[in-house]
Each structure stands twice: as C-alpha cells, then as structure tokens.
Protein backbone atom coordinates (compact mmCIF):
# COMPACT_ATOMS: atom_id res chain seq x y z
CA MET A 1 0.08 -2.08 -14.95
CA VAL A 2 -0.97 0.34 -12.78
CA LEU A 3 -2.30 -2.19 -9.97
CA LEU A 4 -0.31 -5.06 -8.02
CA TYR A 5 -1.98 -7.36 -6.15
CA GLU A 6 0.24 -9.55 -3.36
CA ASN A 7 -0.97 -12.64 -1.34
CA ASP A 8 0.13 -13.45 1.97
CA PRO A 9 1.12 -16.92 2.21
CA LEU A 10 -1.86 -18.87 3.27
CA ASP A 11 -0.61 -21.07 6.15
CA THR A 12 -1.80 -17.92 8.49
CA GLU A 13 -4.91 -17.06 9.93
CA GLU A 14 -4.77 -13.34 8.62
CA ALA A 15 -3.62 -14.26 5.35
CA ARG A 16 -5.32 -11.63 2.92
CA GLY A 17 -3.85 -9.41 -0.32
CA HIS A 18 -2.35 -6.43 -0.55
CA PHE A 19 -2.94 -3.26 -3.33
CA TYR A 20 -0.21 -1.57 -4.58
CA HIS A 21 -0.41 1.50 -7.51
CA VAL A 22 2.55 1.17 -9.94
CA CYS A 23 3.48 4.68 -10.73
CA ARG A 24 5.68 5.81 -13.39
CA GLY A 25 6.76 2.39 -13.55
CA ARG A 26 7.44 2.02 -9.92
CA VAL A 27 5.72 0.34 -7.14
CA GLU A 28 4.57 2.43 -4.16
CA VAL A 29 5.40 1.39 -0.74
CA VAL A 30 2.01 2.70 0.77
CA GLU A 31 -0.48 -0.41 0.35
CA LEU A 32 -4.42 1.29 -0.85
CA SER A 33 -7.45 -0.22 0.25
CA VAL A 34 -10.59 -0.64 -2.26
CA PRO A 35 -11.68 2.52 -2.67
CA PRO A 36 -15.71 3.06 -1.49
CA ALA A 37 -17.81 2.70 -5.30
CA ASP A 38 -18.92 6.41 -5.42
CA LYS A 39 -14.83 7.41 -4.40
CA PRO A 40 -12.54 6.23 -7.43
CA TYR A 41 -8.40 6.88 -6.00
CA GLU A 42 -6.67 9.63 -7.83
CA CYS A 43 -2.94 9.46 -7.82
CA PRO A 44 -1.38 12.84 -6.73
CA THR A 45 1.64 11.73 -9.35
CA CYS A 46 0.34 10.83 -12.34
CA GLY A 47 -3.61 11.26 -12.46
CA ILE A 48 -5.00 7.69 -12.75
CA GLU A 49 -8.30 6.71 -11.15
CA LEU A 50 -8.43 3.48 -10.07
CA GLU A 51 -11.91 2.35 -9.04
CA THR A 52 -13.57 -0.34 -7.20
CA GLU A 53 -13.67 -2.70 -10.30
CA ASP A 54 -9.95 -2.25 -10.67
CA PHE A 55 -8.92 -3.69 -7.51
CA TRP A 56 -11.17 -6.39 -8.01
CA VAL A 57 -10.17 -6.95 -11.69
CA ALA A 58 -6.24 -6.82 -10.12
CA GLN A 59 -7.08 -9.74 -7.37
CA LEU A 60 -8.39 -11.95 -10.03
CA LYS A 61 -5.49 -11.64 -12.67
CA GLY A 62 -2.92 -10.87 -9.44
CA SER A 63 -2.18 -7.36 -11.41
CA VAL A 64 -3.61 -4.68 -13.95
C-alpha cells in the first residue's frame, strides 16, 4: 500500500476524502492533493512516483 484514502463522515456538507502517502510503512501526516497529469508526485524519501491514476484507483479501492 502506498496511498491511503480516508473518507470524511457524510453528515456534513464539506464531506470529501483525503489522500495520504504510506512511506516505508508509515502514514505521512501531510495530506496530498491529486497531482496534474503531467507532473506526478515523487516522494523525496522513498522515490516512488504517484500519478493521477494512482489517486483515482486509491479512491475506488480505499487504498492502493
């Protein structure tokens, strides 16, 4: 698992989800936004590149 997707409770108008990178077995505390299609997110620690498609897959599955 390299991306974690958490849903907000659906009882508020601002309900949405949050993406977090799981780096070397630890969930990073900084929330990630979906990167543009031409510029993937690259983790400075582990070097993994996360593309836009990875975020959509994480949202569908809950995590990837």
